[in-house]
Amino acid sequence: MDKDLKNWSLPDDAKKILNERFKQLKENVILEVFTKDGENDQFNTLTTLFAKELSKLSNKIIVNFHKIGDDFSKKHSVTRSPTVLFNPETYRIRYIGAPFGEESRSFIDTIIMISQRNSYLSKESKKTLSKLDKPRNVQVFVTLSCPYCPGQVLNAFKAAIERPDLISADAVDSMENPDLAKKYDVGAVPHTIINGKTISLGFEPEVRFVAELVTLKPAEELAKKIQPSEEQIEVDVIIVGGGPAGLTAGIYAARSGLKTVILEKAMVGGQVSITPMVENWPGFRSIPGKQLMDMINSQVRDYVSVLEGQEVVEIKIGKQVEAISTDGHFVGKTLILATGTSHRKLNIPGEDRLYGHGVSYCATCDGYFYKDKPVVVIGGGNTAMTDALYLKNLGAKVTVLVRGSDFKGDQPLKQSIEREDIQVLWNTEVVKISGDKNVTGITFKSIKDKKEKELKTDAVFVAIGEVPNNQLASLIGLRLDEHGYVKIDRSGRTNIPRVYGAGDITGGVRQIVTAVGEGASAASSAFEDISSPYWVPKQK
């Protein structure tokens, strides 16, 4: 055993949280842990110690240890180290790799679901799965630093718990199993394989994942046709978006005594969750973006119901405000739109075709695939500089391409780029991404003399800004500015009474601190307007 790991144990604060969560356990959960000497030894040790720690926290968690090659491993076809099975006599659910980093969350959630014999799938997802009549094997490839991966893993594991007769599900750590990742050409995570075929890249709302699981093909249109529950959930405030603005609005609305729900189509935290390091949040000189959002998320859930995987597809404004998602029908008195932004694309040849095969918009998620390889970062702002520094720290050979003659970002990041001696090509524009199955290079030109050059690279990380997620805003007639951002006043009010905007969807500075401020303002305005509607004429 590694000397540094010999006395490893869970931090006291983590034990406290787990003790509280394990109060939900009802039936025994058996974890079968398999290891093989000489294969991923450090991860074997950590997995073994982690499993032992969990068994100490609850007598309902029973852990057994096996060596790969013994009769039990052969019975369950376990060949990779480490591997963890959950109640293998009932379910076919496994972690291939150590359940750490971001995946520790899905690991704990799976223990609780199995103990309760509850998949926690929606009624509509259960109805869709009931039609399945043929076996499905799901493999979700992840990295331990990917904040989007646990959601997709839980999609697969929930389905396997709901239909153990036909569905098996594996979470596969790409870094510990590079041969498997190479076999399926995994270059971005989460990467979902069903019955040996790539079905999707990225995290998906539950309803879409289930539709794809049943049909064995990308099923966006089918997922949209699945009717949401007819049952209406009544609240005072509906918040669409679970980033810093939406979460803060939830706290302020709930503390004002308003019944509130937050609907997030993906995972809470927004783009902050994939920021390697936040260095401008008051009170912290430096904090990982995911850690910061986990802290906020934990606080929010003390007040508000936060529903992930709820993609709102329609909003109706009448006597009340209605939000219809892929899995629910919510009726409220007010609505706060905090849908944020999405990554801006280059819109050049090769970008879409090679997405997930060297083209990425998330260095935190996918950078580890290229830790010893040449990579290109495109962009000149804080995100581009942060991505470049993160990739350099992983060991990648980084080149940054910037359209202008200087970075448009914080001075400390500029100084770090210089200190790390990261190559920067100024006044450049990328015109093409090359490669057959995977990225092999880019073609760029000088903005000054228009001469084109080629640069060999294994990956292209795009960080050229964002575009507003304004589809819902447009559908209900919110006033937008020339760039597509929602116009609000200082209190977060829009041109439509009872509808408010907050966070990056409103444009402006687009920083975490401004997002949380707008979220608080919008919630306060909602409270004021429910109490005294400003649009209702006062009687004389």
Protein backbone atom coordinates (compact mmCIF):
# COMPACT_ATOMS: atom_id res chain seq x y z
CA MET A 1 0.00 0.00 0.00
CA ASP A 2 1.22 3.49 -0.84
CA LYS A 3 2.63 5.06 2.35
CA ASP A 4 0.80 8.31 1.61
CA LEU A 5 -2.52 6.43 1.44
CA LYS A 6 -2.02 4.07 4.36
CA ASN A 7 -3.81 6.32 6.85
CA TRP A 8 -6.27 7.85 4.38
CA SER A 9 -9.78 8.49 5.66
CA LEU A 10 -12.76 10.64 4.77
CA PRO A 11 -12.65 14.22 6.07
CA ASP A 12 -14.80 14.85 9.12
CA ASP A 13 -17.16 17.19 7.25
CA ALA A 14 -17.71 14.52 4.58
CA LYS A 15 -18.47 11.94 7.26
CA LYS A 16 -21.00 14.27 8.81
CA ILE A 17 -22.78 14.77 5.49
CA LEU A 18 -22.77 11.04 4.71
CA ASN A 19 -24.03 10.12 8.17
CA GLU A 20 -26.99 12.37 7.54
CA ARG A 21 -27.64 10.98 4.06
CA PHE A 22 -27.32 7.37 5.19
CA LYS A 23 -30.24 7.85 7.55
CA GLN A 24 -32.31 7.28 4.38
CA LEU A 25 -31.01 3.72 3.98
CA LYS A 26 -33.67 1.02 4.37
CA GLU A 27 -32.33 -2.28 3.05
CA ASN A 28 -28.78 -3.59 3.00
CA VAL A 29 -26.54 -2.60 0.11
CA ILE A 30 -23.76 -5.01 -0.79
CA LEU A 31 -20.68 -3.56 -2.45
CA GLU A 32 -18.48 -6.14 -4.12
CA VAL A 33 -15.02 -4.63 -4.65
CA PHE A 34 -12.62 -6.24 -7.14
CA THR A 35 -8.92 -5.43 -7.50
CA LYS A 36 -5.87 -6.83 -9.23
CA ASP A 37 -2.32 -6.25 -8.04
CA GLY A 38 -0.22 -4.29 -10.50
CA GLU A 39 -3.18 -2.67 -12.27
CA ASN A 40 -4.20 0.85 -11.22
CA ASP A 41 -2.72 0.15 -7.77
CA GLN A 42 -3.26 3.63 -6.36
CA PHE A 43 -6.91 3.62 -7.41
CA ASN A 44 -7.30 0.09 -6.02
CA THR A 45 -6.06 1.30 -2.66
CA LEU A 46 -8.30 4.35 -2.62
CA THR A 47 -11.35 2.33 -3.64
CA THR A 48 -10.67 -0.25 -0.94
CA LEU A 49 -10.24 2.39 1.76
CA PHE A 50 -13.29 4.33 0.59
CA ALA A 51 -15.49 1.24 0.68
CA LYS A 52 -14.29 0.38 4.19
CA GLU A 53 -15.01 3.94 5.35
CA LEU A 54 -18.57 3.75 4.01
CA SER A 55 -19.19 0.45 5.78
CA LYS A 56 -18.14 2.07 9.06
CA LEU A 57 -20.69 4.85 8.60
CA SER A 58 -23.68 2.51 8.22
CA ASN A 59 -24.32 -1.11 9.17
CA LYS A 60 -26.55 -1.32 6.11
CA ILE A 61 -23.53 -1.02 3.79
CA ILE A 62 -21.79 -4.39 3.53
CA VAL A 63 -18.48 -4.59 1.69
CA ASN A 64 -16.81 -7.71 0.33
CA PHE A 65 -13.40 -7.79 -1.33
CA HIS A 66 -12.28 -10.02 -4.17
CA LYS A 67 -9.30 -10.57 -6.41
CA ILE A 68 -9.86 -10.54 -10.14
CA GLY A 69 -9.46 -14.08 -11.38
CA ASP A 70 -11.28 -15.75 -8.49
CA ASP A 71 -14.51 -17.67 -8.97
CA PHE A 72 -16.73 -14.76 -7.93
CA SER A 73 -15.13 -12.40 -10.44
CA LYS A 74 -15.52 -15.01 -13.18
CA LYS A 75 -19.17 -15.49 -12.28
CA HIS A 76 -19.82 -11.78 -12.80
CA SER A 77 -17.39 -11.31 -15.71
CA VAL A 78 -15.22 -8.78 -13.86
CA THR A 79 -11.88 -8.26 -15.56
CA ARG A 80 -10.88 -4.67 -14.77
CA SER A 81 -9.35 -3.22 -11.65
CA PRO A 82 -10.80 -1.61 -9.66
CA THR A 83 -14.45 -2.54 -10.20
CA VAL A 84 -17.37 -2.15 -7.77
CA LEU A 85 -20.66 -4.02 -8.15
CA PHE A 86 -23.90 -3.16 -6.32
CA ASN A 87 -26.08 -6.04 -5.09
CA PRO A 88 -25.03 -8.13 -8.10
CA GLU A 89 -27.58 -10.86 -7.41
CA THR A 90 -30.32 -8.30 -8.11
CA TYR A 91 -28.80 -5.54 -10.25
CA ARG A 92 -26.21 -5.28 -13.01
CA ILE A 93 -24.66 -1.96 -12.03
CA ARG A 94 -20.94 -1.37 -11.80
CA TYR A 95 -18.23 1.22 -11.52
CA ILE A 96 -15.22 0.35 -13.64
CA GLY A 97 -12.66 2.59 -12.03
CA ALA A 98 -12.45 4.43 -8.73
CA PRO A 99 -15.64 6.27 -7.68
CA PHE A 100 -13.93 9.53 -6.75
CA GLY A 101 -13.97 13.17 -7.75
CA GLU A 102 -17.29 14.14 -9.28
CA GLU A 103 -18.42 10.51 -9.44
CA SER A 104 -18.46 10.12 -5.67
CA ARG A 105 -21.81 11.93 -5.81
CA SER A 106 -23.42 9.45 -8.18
CA PHE A 107 -21.89 6.57 -6.20
CA ILE A 108 -23.57 7.68 -2.96
CA ASP A 109 -26.86 8.39 -4.73
CA THR A 110 -26.80 4.88 -6.19
CA ILE A 111 -26.31 3.34 -2.74
CA ILE A 112 -29.36 5.21 -1.47
CA MET A 113 -31.54 4.31 -4.47
CA ILE A 114 -30.68 0.63 -4.22
CA SER A 115 -31.26 0.61 -0.47
CA GLN A 116 -34.69 2.13 -1.01
CA ARG A 117 -35.41 0.00 -4.09
CA ASN A 118 -36.45 3.19 -5.83
CA SER A 119 -35.14 4.41 -9.19
CA TYR A 120 -36.60 7.88 -8.68
CA LEU A 121 -37.44 8.02 -12.36
CA SER A 122 -40.41 10.15 -13.34
CA LYS A 123 -43.77 8.55 -14.09
CA GLU A 124 -43.34 9.24 -17.79
CA SER A 125 -39.85 7.70 -17.88
CA LYS A 126 -41.14 4.62 -16.08
CA LYS A 127 -43.97 4.37 -18.59
CA THR A 128 -41.52 4.59 -21.49
CA LEU A 129 -39.21 1.98 -19.96
CA SER A 130 -42.12 -0.41 -19.40
CA LYS A 131 -42.26 -0.83 -23.19
CA LEU A 132 -38.68 -2.13 -23.36
CA ASP A 133 -38.61 -5.79 -24.36
CA LYS A 134 -34.97 -6.37 -25.32
CA PRO A 135 -31.70 -6.20 -23.35
CA ARG A 136 -29.73 -2.99 -23.07
CA ASN A 137 -26.15 -2.55 -21.91
CA VAL A 138 -25.24 1.05 -21.13
CA GLN A 139 -21.66 2.30 -20.75
CA VAL A 140 -21.14 5.90 -19.68
CA PHE A 141 -17.51 7.01 -20.08
CA VAL A 142 -16.49 9.66 -17.58
CA THR A 143 -13.53 11.50 -16.10
CA LEU A 144 -13.35 12.23 -12.40
CA SER A 145 -13.12 16.00 -13.05
CA CYS A 146 -16.24 16.20 -15.24
CA PRO A 147 -19.16 17.92 -13.46
CA TYR A 148 -21.65 16.83 -16.13
CA CYS A 149 -20.83 13.12 -15.92
CA PRO A 150 -22.58 12.14 -12.66
CA GLY A 151 -25.94 13.21 -14.08
CA GLN A 152 -25.59 10.95 -17.09
CA VAL A 153 -24.31 8.07 -14.93
CA LEU A 154 -27.39 8.42 -12.73
CA ASN A 155 -29.62 8.36 -15.81
CA ALA A 156 -28.14 4.96 -16.68
CA PHE A 157 -28.18 3.60 -13.13
CA LYS A 158 -31.77 4.71 -12.52
CA ALA A 159 -32.84 2.83 -15.64
CA ALA A 160 -30.94 -0.27 -14.49
CA ILE A 161 -32.64 -0.12 -11.09
CA GLU A 162 -36.06 0.31 -12.70
CA ARG A 163 -35.59 -2.56 -15.18
CA PRO A 164 -32.98 -4.95 -13.71
CA ASP A 165 -34.40 -7.70 -15.90
CA LEU A 166 -33.19 -6.07 -19.12
CA ILE A 167 -30.78 -3.22 -18.36
CA SER A 168 -27.16 -3.33 -17.23
CA ALA A 169 -25.17 -0.14 -16.68
CA ASP A 170 -21.48 0.68 -16.24
CA ALA A 171 -19.73 3.90 -15.32
CA VAL A 172 -16.30 3.69 -16.93
CA ASP A 173 -13.47 5.97 -15.89
CA SER A 174 -11.72 6.80 -19.15
CA MET A 175 -8.36 7.55 -17.57
CA GLU A 176 -8.10 4.24 -15.75
CA ASN A 177 -9.31 2.32 -18.80
CA PRO A 178 -7.65 4.03 -21.77
CA ASP A 179 -7.96 0.95 -24.00
CA LEU A 180 -11.74 0.94 -23.63
CA ALA A 181 -11.89 4.68 -24.22
CA LYS A 182 -9.81 4.23 -27.36
CA LYS A 183 -11.99 1.36 -28.55
CA TYR A 184 -15.04 3.61 -28.55
CA ASP A 185 -13.11 6.70 -29.68
CA VAL A 186 -13.93 8.64 -26.52
CA GLY A 187 -12.55 12.16 -26.70
CA ALA A 188 -15.15 14.04 -24.65
CA VAL A 189 -17.30 13.10 -21.68
CA PRO A 190 -19.85 12.02 -20.75
CA HIS A 191 -19.88 9.67 -23.73
CA THR A 192 -22.74 7.18 -23.72
CA ILE A 193 -22.59 3.79 -25.44
CA ILE A 194 -25.70 1.60 -25.63
CA ASN A 195 -25.35 -1.95 -26.92
CA GLY A 196 -21.94 -1.10 -28.34
CA LYS A 197 -23.09 1.97 -30.27
CA THR A 198 -22.40 5.62 -29.44
CA ILE A 199 -25.77 7.19 -28.69
CA SER A 200 -24.93 10.58 -27.23
CA LEU A 201 -22.23 13.00 -26.15
CA GLY A 202 -22.89 15.11 -23.08
CA PHE A 203 -25.40 15.12 -20.25
CA GLU A 204 -29.05 14.74 -21.24
CA PRO A 205 -32.37 15.35 -19.54
CA GLU A 206 -33.75 12.09 -18.18
CA VAL A 207 -36.66 11.93 -20.62
CA ARG A 208 -34.38 12.14 -23.64
CA PHE A 209 -31.97 9.54 -22.27
CA VAL A 210 -34.78 7.07 -21.64
CA ALA A 211 -36.18 7.63 -25.12
CA GLU A 212 -32.77 6.92 -26.63
CA LEU A 213 -32.34 3.86 -24.43
CA VAL A 214 -35.56 2.37 -25.73
CA THR A 215 -35.12 3.30 -29.41
CA LEU A 216 -31.33 2.80 -29.66
CA LYS A 217 -30.94 5.99 -31.65
CA PRO A 218 -30.63 9.70 -30.96
CA ALA A 219 -34.19 10.56 -30.07
CA GLU A 220 -34.53 14.31 -29.58
CA GLU A 221 -37.80 14.54 -31.44
CA LEU A 222 -39.21 11.46 -29.74
CA ALA A 223 -38.29 12.87 -26.35
CA LYS A 224 -40.15 16.10 -27.15
CA LYS A 225 -43.26 14.11 -28.03
CA ILE A 226 -43.40 12.47 -24.61
CA GLN A 227 -46.16 14.30 -22.80
CA PRO A 228 -45.33 15.79 -19.42
CA SER A 229 -47.29 14.83 -16.35
CA GLU A 230 -50.83 16.23 -16.32
CA GLU A 231 -50.52 16.87 -12.60
CA GLN A 232 -49.97 20.56 -11.93
CA ILE A 233 -47.53 21.65 -9.26
CA GLU A 234 -48.53 25.00 -7.79
CA VAL A 235 -45.94 27.42 -6.39
CA ASP A 236 -45.48 31.15 -5.93
CA VAL A 237 -42.23 31.49 -7.87
CA ILE A 238 -40.96 29.39 -10.77
CA ILE A 239 -37.25 29.83 -11.47
CA VAL A 240 -35.94 28.52 -14.79
CA GLY A 241 -32.20 27.95 -14.56
CA GLY A 242 -29.98 26.60 -11.80
CA GLY A 243 -26.85 28.73 -12.15
CA PRO A 244 -25.66 31.31 -9.60
CA ALA A 245 -28.52 33.71 -10.43
CA GLY A 246 -31.28 31.11 -10.26
CA LEU A 247 -29.97 29.51 -7.08
CA THR A 248 -29.63 32.86 -5.31
CA ALA A 249 -33.11 33.88 -6.43
CA GLY A 250 -34.35 30.64 -4.89
CA ILE A 251 -32.82 31.47 -1.51
CA TYR A 252 -34.23 35.00 -1.43
CA ALA A 253 -37.67 33.96 -2.64
CA ALA A 254 -37.98 31.15 -0.12
CA ARG A 255 -36.72 33.32 2.73
CA SER A 256 -39.45 35.79 1.82
CA GLY A 257 -41.99 33.07 2.49
CA LEU A 258 -42.71 32.24 -1.14
CA LYS A 259 -43.13 28.63 -2.24
CA THR A 260 -40.46 28.23 -4.89
CA VAL A 261 -39.18 25.66 -7.36
CA ILE A 262 -35.99 25.77 -9.46
CA LEU A 263 -36.05 23.96 -12.81
CA GLU A 264 -32.68 23.12 -14.38
CA LYS A 265 -32.44 21.24 -17.66
CA ALA A 266 -28.94 19.93 -17.00
CA MET A 267 -27.03 20.19 -13.72
CA VAL A 268 -27.05 22.96 -11.17
CA GLY A 269 -24.15 25.38 -11.12
CA GLY A 270 -24.11 26.54 -14.73
CA GLN A 271 -20.84 27.36 -16.43
CA VAL A 272 -19.19 28.20 -13.10
CA SER A 273 -19.15 24.46 -12.38
CA ILE A 274 -16.69 23.86 -15.21
CA THR A 275 -14.42 26.75 -14.26
CA PRO A 276 -11.23 25.18 -12.88
CA MET A 277 -10.53 28.04 -10.48
CA VAL A 278 -12.50 31.14 -9.44
CA GLU A 279 -10.25 33.92 -8.18
CA ASN A 280 -12.66 36.84 -7.89
CA TRP A 281 -15.29 35.56 -5.47
CA PRO A 282 -15.31 37.65 -2.27
CA GLY A 283 -14.01 35.74 0.74
CA PHE A 284 -11.88 33.29 -1.25
CA ARG A 285 -8.54 34.08 -2.82
CA SER A 286 -9.03 31.03 -4.97
CA ILE A 287 -11.69 28.31 -5.09
CA PRO A 288 -12.61 25.65 -7.71
CA GLY A 289 -15.78 26.64 -9.51
CA LYS A 290 -17.44 23.29 -8.84
CA GLN A 291 -16.69 23.52 -5.12
CA LEU A 292 -18.16 27.01 -4.95
CA MET A 293 -21.36 25.95 -6.70
CA ASP A 294 -21.66 22.83 -4.54
CA MET A 295 -21.54 25.06 -1.46
CA ILE A 296 -24.25 27.34 -2.87
CA ASN A 297 -26.32 24.37 -4.04
CA SER A 298 -26.15 22.76 -0.61
CA GLN A 299 -27.43 25.95 1.00
CA VAL A 300 -30.21 26.39 -1.56
CA ARG A 301 -31.60 22.90 -0.98
CA ASP A 302 -32.27 23.82 2.65
CA TYR A 303 -34.92 26.22 1.31
CA VAL A 304 -36.03 25.22 -2.17
CA SER A 305 -36.93 22.23 -4.29
CA VAL A 306 -34.27 22.01 -7.03
CA LEU A 307 -35.26 19.77 -9.93
CA GLU A 308 -32.53 18.78 -12.37
CA GLY A 309 -33.18 17.30 -15.82
CA GLN A 310 -36.27 19.53 -16.17
CA GLU A 311 -36.03 21.20 -19.57
CA VAL A 312 -38.72 23.86 -19.86
CA VAL A 313 -40.16 23.72 -23.36
CA GLU A 314 -43.08 26.14 -23.05
CA ILE A 315 -44.11 29.09 -20.92
CA LYS A 316 -47.66 30.45 -20.81
CA ILE A 317 -48.59 33.84 -19.43
CA GLY A 318 -52.22 34.22 -18.35
CA LYS A 319 -53.90 34.79 -15.04
CA GLN A 320 -51.07 32.65 -13.74
CA VAL A 321 -47.64 31.79 -15.11
CA GLU A 322 -47.16 28.25 -16.39
CA ALA A 323 -43.90 26.44 -17.14
CA ILE A 324 -44.21 23.15 -18.98
CA SER A 325 -41.13 20.95 -18.89
CA THR A 326 -40.34 17.60 -20.46
CA ASP A 327 -41.54 16.02 -17.24
CA GLY A 328 -43.78 18.42 -15.37
CA HIS A 329 -46.37 21.18 -15.39
CA PHE A 330 -45.68 24.02 -12.97
CA VAL A 331 -48.09 26.84 -12.20
CA GLY A 332 -46.99 29.96 -10.34
CA LYS A 333 -47.68 33.58 -9.63
CA THR A 334 -44.32 34.78 -10.99
CA LEU A 335 -41.44 33.48 -13.08
CA ILE A 336 -37.73 34.29 -12.96
CA LEU A 337 -35.81 33.52 -16.14
CA ALA A 338 -32.17 32.68 -15.38
CA THR A 339 -31.32 30.50 -18.36
CA GLY A 340 -27.80 31.87 -18.80
CA THR A 341 -25.70 31.41 -21.91
CA SER A 342 -24.18 28.68 -24.06
CA HIS A 343 -20.74 28.39 -25.58
CA ARG A 344 -20.33 30.39 -28.76
CA LYS A 345 -19.23 28.28 -31.71
CA LEU A 346 -16.67 29.10 -34.38
CA ASN A 347 -19.01 27.89 -37.16
CA ILE A 348 -16.12 26.70 -39.31
CA PRO A 349 -15.58 23.46 -41.28
CA GLY A 350 -14.73 20.50 -39.06
CA GLU A 351 -16.09 21.95 -35.81
CA ASP A 352 -19.36 20.04 -35.61
CA ARG A 353 -18.05 16.91 -37.30
CA LEU A 354 -15.14 16.54 -34.88
CA TYR A 355 -16.98 17.54 -31.71
CA GLY A 356 -16.15 14.94 -29.09
CA HIS A 357 -13.18 13.79 -31.14
CA GLY A 358 -10.79 16.59 -30.33
CA VAL A 359 -13.13 19.59 -30.45
CA SER A 360 -14.27 20.59 -26.98
CA TYR A 361 -15.88 23.49 -25.15
CA CYS A 362 -14.96 22.19 -21.67
CA ALA A 363 -11.28 21.92 -20.74
CA THR A 364 -12.18 20.72 -17.26
CA CYS A 365 -14.20 17.81 -18.66
CA ASP A 366 -11.99 16.72 -21.53
CA GLY A 367 -8.52 18.11 -20.90
CA TYR A 368 -7.18 14.93 -19.33
CA PHE A 369 -7.48 13.09 -22.65
CA TYR A 370 -4.74 15.38 -24.01
CA LYS A 371 -2.48 15.81 -20.98
CA ASP A 372 0.71 14.94 -22.89
CA LYS A 373 -0.32 16.18 -26.32
CA PRO A 374 -0.31 19.40 -28.35
CA VAL A 375 -3.55 21.36 -27.94
CA VAL A 376 -4.93 24.67 -29.15
CA VAL A 377 -7.08 27.07 -27.15
CA ILE A 378 -9.04 29.60 -29.20
CA GLY A 379 -10.09 32.80 -27.48
CA GLY A 380 -8.77 35.92 -25.80
CA GLY A 381 -10.79 36.30 -22.60
CA ASN A 382 -10.65 34.99 -19.06
CA THR A 383 -12.10 31.60 -20.00
CA ALA A 384 -9.49 31.03 -22.69
CA MET A 385 -6.64 32.01 -20.37
CA THR A 386 -8.01 29.83 -17.56
CA ASP A 387 -8.37 26.87 -19.93
CA ALA A 388 -4.84 27.36 -21.23
CA LEU A 389 -3.40 27.40 -17.72
CA TYR A 390 -5.41 24.34 -16.70
CA LEU A 391 -4.26 22.37 -19.75
CA LYS A 392 -0.65 23.43 -19.24
CA ASN A 393 -0.87 22.22 -15.65
CA LEU A 394 -2.03 18.83 -16.94
CA GLY A 395 1.09 18.60 -19.07
CA ALA A 396 -0.33 19.53 -22.46
CA LYS A 397 1.67 21.58 -24.94
CA VAL A 398 -0.60 24.60 -25.29
CA THR A 399 -0.90 27.21 -28.02
CA VAL A 400 -3.44 30.03 -27.68
CA LEU A 401 -4.85 31.76 -30.76
CA VAL A 402 -6.24 35.27 -30.22
CA ARG A 403 -8.02 37.46 -32.77
CA GLY A 404 -6.70 40.66 -31.23
CA SER A 405 -3.29 41.91 -30.16
CA ASP A 406 -3.89 41.43 -26.42
CA PHE A 407 -5.98 39.42 -24.00
CA LYS A 408 -9.28 40.91 -22.86
CA GLY A 409 -9.23 39.67 -19.31
CA ASP A 410 -7.89 39.94 -15.80
CA GLN A 411 -4.29 41.03 -15.31
CA PRO A 412 -3.36 38.16 -12.95
CA LEU A 413 -4.34 35.65 -15.64
CA LYS A 414 -2.25 37.49 -18.23
CA GLN A 415 0.72 37.39 -15.90
CA SER A 416 0.21 33.67 -15.32
CA ILE A 417 0.17 33.02 -19.09
CA GLU A 418 3.50 34.85 -19.40
CA ARG A 419 4.99 33.13 -16.37
CA GLU A 420 4.05 29.70 -17.68
CA ASP A 421 5.59 30.59 -21.05
CA ILE A 422 2.48 29.55 -22.98
CA GLN A 423 2.77 30.23 -26.70
CA VAL A 424 0.30 32.83 -27.98
CA LEU A 425 -0.39 33.63 -31.64
CA TRP A 426 -1.87 37.12 -31.93
CA ASN A 427 -4.11 38.58 -34.66
CA THR A 428 -5.18 35.18 -35.91
CA GLU A 429 -8.42 33.65 -37.13
CA VAL A 430 -9.05 29.90 -37.34
CA VAL A 431 -10.69 28.97 -40.63
CA LYS A 432 -10.78 25.15 -40.53
CA ILE A 433 -10.34 22.19 -38.18
CA SER A 434 -8.80 19.19 -39.88
CA GLY A 435 -8.94 15.47 -39.24
CA ASP A 436 -10.62 12.30 -40.42
CA LYS A 437 -11.94 10.61 -37.29
CA ASN A 438 -10.08 12.83 -34.83
CA VAL A 439 -8.57 16.31 -34.85
CA THR A 440 -5.12 16.42 -36.45
CA GLY A 441 -4.67 20.12 -37.01
CA ILE A 442 -6.09 23.54 -37.76
CA THR A 443 -5.77 26.08 -40.54
CA PHE A 444 -5.56 29.70 -39.44
CA LYS A 445 -4.84 33.00 -41.11
CA SER A 446 -3.26 36.28 -40.12
CA ILE A 447 -5.83 39.04 -39.82
CA LYS A 448 -3.20 41.51 -41.02
CA ASP A 449 -1.84 39.87 -44.18
CA LYS A 450 -4.52 37.16 -44.72
CA LYS A 451 -1.85 34.47 -45.15
CA GLU A 452 -2.96 30.98 -44.13
CA LYS A 453 -0.88 28.57 -42.07
CA GLU A 454 -1.41 25.11 -40.66
CA LEU A 455 -0.74 23.94 -37.14
CA LYS A 456 -0.72 20.32 -35.99
CA THR A 457 -2.74 19.66 -32.86
CA ASP A 458 -4.65 16.82 -31.21
CA ALA A 459 -7.36 18.99 -29.70
CA VAL A 460 -9.09 22.34 -30.11
CA PHE A 461 -10.65 23.96 -27.04
CA VAL A 462 -13.04 26.72 -28.07
CA ALA A 463 -13.44 29.62 -25.63
CA ILE A 464 -14.70 32.57 -27.65
CA GLY A 465 -17.54 33.72 -25.46
CA GLU A 466 -21.20 32.93 -25.06
CA VAL A 467 -24.57 33.40 -26.70
CA PRO A 468 -27.75 33.94 -24.64
CA ASN A 469 -30.15 31.05 -24.11
CA ASN A 470 -33.06 33.26 -25.11
CA GLN A 471 -35.38 30.79 -26.84
CA LEU A 472 -37.97 30.89 -24.05
CA ALA A 473 -37.62 34.64 -23.71
CA SER A 474 -38.30 35.08 -27.40
CA LEU A 475 -41.31 32.77 -27.38
CA ILE A 476 -43.14 34.77 -24.71
CA GLY A 477 -42.21 38.16 -26.18
CA LEU A 478 -39.65 39.49 -23.74
CA ARG A 479 -37.84 42.57 -25.00
CA LEU A 480 -34.27 41.73 -26.09
CA ASP A 481 -31.31 43.96 -26.87
CA GLU A 482 -29.39 43.93 -30.16
CA HIS A 483 -27.27 40.99 -28.95
CA GLY A 484 -30.23 38.87 -27.87
CA TYR A 485 -30.00 39.45 -24.12
CA VAL A 486 -33.14 40.05 -22.04
CA LYS A 487 -33.71 43.67 -21.10
CA ILE A 488 -34.43 44.28 -17.40
CA ASP A 489 -34.63 47.28 -15.12
CA ARG A 490 -32.53 47.66 -11.97
CA SER A 491 -35.00 45.47 -10.08
CA GLY A 492 -34.97 42.61 -12.56
CA ARG A 493 -38.36 43.35 -14.08
CA THR A 494 -38.93 42.72 -17.79
CA ASN A 495 -41.51 44.25 -20.12
CA ILE A 496 -43.99 41.53 -19.11
CA PRO A 497 -45.45 41.81 -15.58
CA ARG A 498 -44.64 38.89 -13.24
CA VAL A 499 -41.69 37.80 -15.40
CA TYR A 500 -38.15 38.69 -14.29
CA GLY A 501 -34.65 38.18 -15.64
CA ALA A 502 -31.40 37.52 -13.81
CA GLY A 503 -27.83 36.47 -14.52
CA ASP A 504 -26.02 36.05 -17.80
CA ILE A 505 -29.25 35.96 -19.83
CA THR A 506 -29.45 39.74 -19.18
CA GLY A 507 -25.97 40.45 -20.62
CA GLY A 508 -23.85 43.13 -19.00
CA VAL A 509 -20.76 42.22 -17.01
CA ARG A 510 -21.64 38.49 -16.82
CA GLN A 511 -19.75 37.73 -13.62
CA ILE A 512 -20.78 35.48 -10.72
CA VAL A 513 -21.14 38.39 -8.31
CA THR A 514 -23.45 40.30 -10.65
CA ALA A 515 -25.46 37.14 -11.34
CA VAL A 516 -26.17 36.52 -7.65
CA GLY A 517 -27.01 40.19 -7.17
CA GLU A 518 -29.53 40.10 -9.99
CA GLY A 519 -30.99 36.87 -8.64
CA ALA A 520 -31.57 38.50 -5.26
CA SER A 521 -33.11 41.60 -6.87
CA ALA A 522 -35.45 39.55 -9.06
CA ALA A 523 -36.68 37.50 -6.10
CA SER A 524 -37.23 40.64 -4.02
CA SER A 525 -39.20 42.20 -6.88
CA ALA A 526 -41.31 39.06 -7.21
CA PHE A 527 -42.17 39.26 -3.51
CA GLU A 528 -43.08 42.95 -3.78
CA ASP A 529 -45.21 42.41 -6.87
CA ILE A 530 -47.11 39.47 -5.42
CA SER A 531 -47.90 41.62 -2.40
CA SER A 532 -48.72 44.75 -4.41
CA PRO A 533 -49.06 44.23 -8.18
CA TYR A 534 -47.77 47.39 -9.84
CA TRP A 535 -49.62 46.65 -13.10
CA VAL A 536 -53.06 46.60 -11.46
CA PRO A 537 -54.70 50.05 -11.45
CA LYS A 538 -55.22 51.36 -7.96
CA GLN A 539 -58.78 52.18 -6.98
CA LYS A 540 -59.43 55.81 -6.19
